[in-house]
Amino acid sequence: MTKWHESAAANFGLRATGLSLLAVAWLVAVRLHQMFHTISPRDATPLVMLLSAILFLCASAGSALSFVGPGLWEPVEISERWRRLPLPGSEAAEAFDGIPSGTASRPEDGASSLTVAF
C-alpha cells in the first residue's frame, strides 16, 4: 500500500494548505492589531481571546505544513527507554522474552530499583 503523503500532489497540497493557514493567521493578526488600538489590554473580550487562539493555531499548523510538509508523517524510531512494555500475561509479552527475567528485578551495584506500571 502506498503512503498518500509521498506523492508530489500531496506535497504540493500540504505546502499550499500551510501557506493558506499562514495567510489566515496574517489576516487575524492584522485584525487583532487594529483591535489593540481601540481597547485596553485589560479589557480582553472573548472575541479577542478567540482571535488569539485562531492566530496561534493557524500560525503553528501553517508553519509546520509549509516548512516540513509531508515529513510530518515520517516514522520516527522511539528509544527503548520510552517504549511501553506489554502487561505481564498478555500475548504481546512473548515479544519481550529476550529480556532475562532475573536481571530486570535485581538492582546491580547498589542501585535502587523503581517499578512503574502504566
C-alpha atoms as a PDB file:
ATOM      1  CA  MET A   1       0.000   0.000   0.000  1.00  0.00           C
ATOM      2  CA  THR A   2       1.450   3.352  -0.970  1.00  0.00           C
ATOM      3  CA  LYS A   3       1.538   6.164   1.517  1.00  0.00           C
ATOM      4  CA  TRP A   4      -0.644   9.068   0.455  1.00  0.00           C
ATOM      5  CA  HIS A   5       1.823  11.735   1.575  1.00  0.00           C
ATOM      6  CA  GLU A   6       4.660  10.521  -0.650  1.00  0.00           C
ATOM      7  CA  SER A   7       3.118  11.797  -3.887  1.00  0.00           C
ATOM      8  CA  ALA A   8       4.025  15.117  -5.489  1.00  0.00           C
ATOM      9  CA  ALA A   9       0.383  16.239  -5.400  1.00  0.00           C
ATOM     10  CA  ALA A  10       0.192  15.636  -1.644  1.00  0.00           C
ATOM     11  CA  ASN A  11       3.462  17.522  -1.138  1.00  0.00           C
ATOM     12  CA  PHE A  12       2.111  20.484  -3.097  1.00  0.00           C
ATOM     13  CA  GLY A  13      -1.259  20.312  -1.350  1.00  0.00           C
ATOM     14  CA  LEU A  14       0.227  20.180   2.143  1.00  0.00           C
ATOM     15  CA  ARG A  15       2.522  23.120   1.489  1.00  0.00           C
ATOM     16  CA  ALA A  16      -0.273  25.111  -0.169  1.00  0.00           C
ATOM     17  CA  THR A  17      -2.506  24.414   2.832  1.00  0.00           C
ATOM     18  CA  GLY A  18       0.306  25.591   5.114  1.00  0.00           C
ATOM     19  CA  LEU A  19       0.688  28.810   3.157  1.00  0.00           C
ATOM     20  CA  SER A  20      -3.058  29.423   3.224  1.00  0.00           C
ATOM     21  CA  LEU A  21      -3.106  28.884   7.002  1.00  0.00           C
ATOM     22  CA  LEU A  22      -0.276  31.396   7.318  1.00  0.00           C
ATOM     23  CA  ALA A  23      -2.303  33.856   5.223  1.00  0.00           C
ATOM     24  CA  VAL A  24      -5.302  33.381   7.540  1.00  0.00           C
ATOM     25  CA  ALA A  25      -3.011  33.901  10.529  1.00  0.00           C
ATOM     26  CA  TRP A  26      -1.728  37.112   8.944  1.00  0.00           C
ATOM     27  CA  LEU A  27      -5.274  38.431   8.434  1.00  0.00           C
ATOM     28  CA  VAL A  28      -6.224  37.581  12.020  1.00  0.00           C
ATOM     29  CA  ALA A  29      -3.041  39.245  13.286  1.00  0.00           C
ATOM     30  CA  VAL A  30      -3.874  42.418  11.358  1.00  0.00           C
ATOM     31  CA  ARG A  31      -7.384  42.425  12.863  1.00  0.00           C
ATOM     32  CA  LEU A  32      -6.000  41.898  16.353  1.00  0.00           C
ATOM     33  CA  HIS A  33      -3.549  44.741  15.799  1.00  0.00           C
ATOM     34  CA  GLN A  34      -6.426  47.028  14.786  1.00  0.00           C
ATOM     35  CA  MET A  35      -8.403  45.979  17.859  1.00  0.00           C
ATOM     36  CA  PHE A  36      -5.387  46.609  20.085  1.00  0.00           C
ATOM     37  CA  HIS A  37      -5.588  50.336  19.378  1.00  0.00           C
ATOM     38  CA  THR A  38      -9.285  50.571  20.309  1.00  0.00           C
ATOM     39  CA  ILE A  39      -9.389  48.644  23.608  1.00  0.00           C
ATOM     40  CA  SER A  40      -7.047  48.389  26.572  1.00  0.00           C
ATOM     41  CA  PRO A  41      -5.167  45.135  27.195  1.00  0.00           C
ATOM     42  CA  ARG A  42      -7.109  44.607  30.431  1.00  0.00           C
ATOM     43  CA  ASP A  43     -10.408  44.580  28.569  1.00  0.00           C
ATOM     44  CA  ALA A  44      -9.784  41.394  26.625  1.00  0.00           C
ATOM     45  CA  THR A  45     -13.127  40.214  25.304  1.00  0.00           C
ATOM     46  CA  PRO A  46     -13.982  36.644  24.333  1.00  0.00           C
ATOM     47  CA  LEU A  47     -13.640  37.735  20.697  1.00  0.00           C
ATOM     48  CA  VAL A  48     -10.045  38.856  21.299  1.00  0.00           C
ATOM     49  CA  MET A  49      -9.251  35.583  23.050  1.00  0.00           C
ATOM     50  CA  LEU A  50     -10.842  33.576  20.228  1.00  0.00           C
ATOM     51  CA  LEU A  51      -8.915  35.507  17.582  1.00  0.00           C
ATOM     52  CA  SER A  52      -5.696  34.983  19.541  1.00  0.00           C
ATOM     53  CA  ALA A  53      -6.322  31.232  19.714  1.00  0.00           C
ATOM     54  CA  ILE A  54      -7.108  31.113  15.981  1.00  0.00           C
ATOM     55  CA  LEU A  55      -3.934  33.078  15.266  1.00  0.00           C
ATOM     56  CA  PHE A  56      -1.814  30.683  17.309  1.00  0.00           C
ATOM     57  CA  LEU A  57      -3.313  27.534  15.785  1.00  0.00           C
ATOM     58  CA  CYS A  58      -3.173  28.791  12.198  1.00  0.00           C
ATOM     59  CA  ALA A  59       0.390  30.067  12.561  1.00  0.00           C
ATOM     60  CA  SER A  60       1.604  26.847  14.211  1.00  0.00           C
ATOM     61  CA  ALA A  61      -0.075  24.450  11.796  1.00  0.00           C
ATOM     62  CA  GLY A  62       0.727  26.648   8.802  1.00  0.00           C
ATOM     63  CA  SER A  63       4.425  26.849   9.553  1.00  0.00           C
ATOM     64  CA  ALA A  64       4.635  23.109  10.260  1.00  0.00           C
ATOM     65  CA  LEU A  65       2.920  22.244   6.973  1.00  0.00           C
ATOM     66  CA  SER A  66       4.865  24.845   4.978  1.00  0.00           C
ATOM     67  CA  PHE A  67       8.332  24.013   6.215  1.00  0.00           C
ATOM     68  CA  VAL A  68       8.109  20.272   6.899  1.00  0.00           C
ATOM     69  CA  GLY A  69       5.317  19.253   4.537  1.00  0.00           C
ATOM     70  CA  PRO A  70       4.947  15.505   4.168  1.00  0.00           C
ATOM     71  CA  GLY A  71       7.857  14.965   6.567  1.00  0.00           C
ATOM     72  CA  LEU A  72       5.324  15.246   9.392  1.00  0.00           C
ATOM     73  CA  TRP A  73       4.254  11.664   8.646  1.00  0.00           C
ATOM     74  CA  GLU A  74       7.706  10.091   8.536  1.00  0.00           C
ATOM     75  CA  PRO A  75       8.136   7.261  11.035  1.00  0.00           C
ATOM     76  CA  VAL A  76      10.353   8.049  13.994  1.00  0.00           C
ATOM     77  CA  GLU A  77      12.229   5.425  15.971  1.00  0.00           C
ATOM     78  CA  ILE A  78      11.496   5.604  19.679  1.00  0.00           C
ATOM     79  CA  SER A  79      14.225   4.778  22.153  1.00  0.00           C
ATOM     80  CA  GLU A  80      13.845   1.586  24.173  1.00  0.00           C
ATOM     81  CA  ARG A  81      13.653   3.717  27.306  1.00  0.00           C
ATOM     82  CA  TRP A  82      10.371   5.341  26.195  1.00  0.00           C
ATOM     83  CA  ARG A  83       8.596   2.290  24.751  1.00  0.00           C
ATOM     84  CA  ARG A  84       5.704   0.837  26.660  1.00  0.00           C
ATOM     85  CA  LEU A  85       6.087  -2.724  27.821  1.00  0.00           C
ATOM     86  CA  PRO A  86       3.107  -5.068  27.487  1.00  0.00           C
ATOM     87  CA  LEU A  87       1.291  -6.178  30.600  1.00  0.00           C
ATOM     88  CA  PRO A  88       2.517  -9.485  32.067  1.00  0.00           C
ATOM     89  CA  GLY A  89       0.495 -12.414  30.818  1.00  0.00           C
ATOM     90  CA  SER A  90      -0.621 -10.758  27.582  1.00  0.00           C
ATOM     91  CA  GLU A  91       0.124 -12.207  24.172  1.00  0.00           C
ATOM     92  CA  ALA A  92       2.450  -9.328  23.337  1.00  0.00           C
ATOM     93  CA  ALA A  93       4.626 -10.152  26.353  1.00  0.00           C
ATOM     94  CA  GLU A  94       6.220 -13.005  24.416  1.00  0.00           C
ATOM     95  CA  ALA A  95       7.854 -10.425  22.130  1.00  0.00           C
ATOM     96  CA  PHE A  96       9.991  -9.320  25.055  1.00  0.00           C
ATOM     97  CA  ASP A  97      11.218 -12.786  26.029  1.00  0.00           C
ATOM     98  CA  GLY A  98      14.757 -11.726  25.107  1.00  0.00           C
ATOM     99  CA  ILE A  99      14.992  -9.752  28.372  1.00  0.00           C
ATOM    100  CA  PRO A 100      16.289 -12.020  31.143  1.00  0.00           C
ATOM    101  CA  SER A 101      13.694 -12.101  33.904  1.00  0.00           C
ATOM    102  CA  GLY A 102      16.212 -12.368  36.746  1.00  0.00           C
ATOM    103  CA  THR A 103      18.227  -9.256  35.893  1.00  0.00           C
ATOM    104  CA  ALA A 104      15.296  -6.894  35.411  1.00  0.00           C
ATOM    105  CA  SER A 105      14.190  -7.087  39.046  1.00  0.00           C
ATOM    106  CA  ARG A 106      17.612  -7.039  40.793  1.00  0.00           C
ATOM    107  CA  PRO A 107      19.451  -3.758  41.203  1.00  0.00           C
ATOM    108  CA  GLU A 108      23.127  -4.008  40.370  1.00  0.00           C
ATOM    109  CA  ASP A 109      25.999  -2.210  42.105  1.00  0.00           C
ATOM    110  CA  GLY A 110      23.796  -0.980  44.946  1.00  0.00           C
ATOM    111  CA  ALA A 111      21.471   0.991  42.674  1.00  0.00           C
ATOM    112  CA  SER A 112      17.878   1.298  43.733  1.00  0.00           C
ATOM    113  CA  SER A 113      15.137  -0.197  41.626  1.00  0.00           C
ATOM    114  CA  LEU A 114      11.878   1.502  40.674  1.00  0.00           C
ATOM    115  CA  THR A 115       8.903  -0.259  39.162  1.00  0.00           C
ATOM    116  CA  VAL A 116       6.303   1.803  37.309  1.00  0.00           C
ATOM    117  CA  ALA A 117       3.138   0.344  35.837  1.00  0.00           C
ATOM    118  CA  PHE A 118       1.162   2.160  33.168  1.00  0.00           C
END
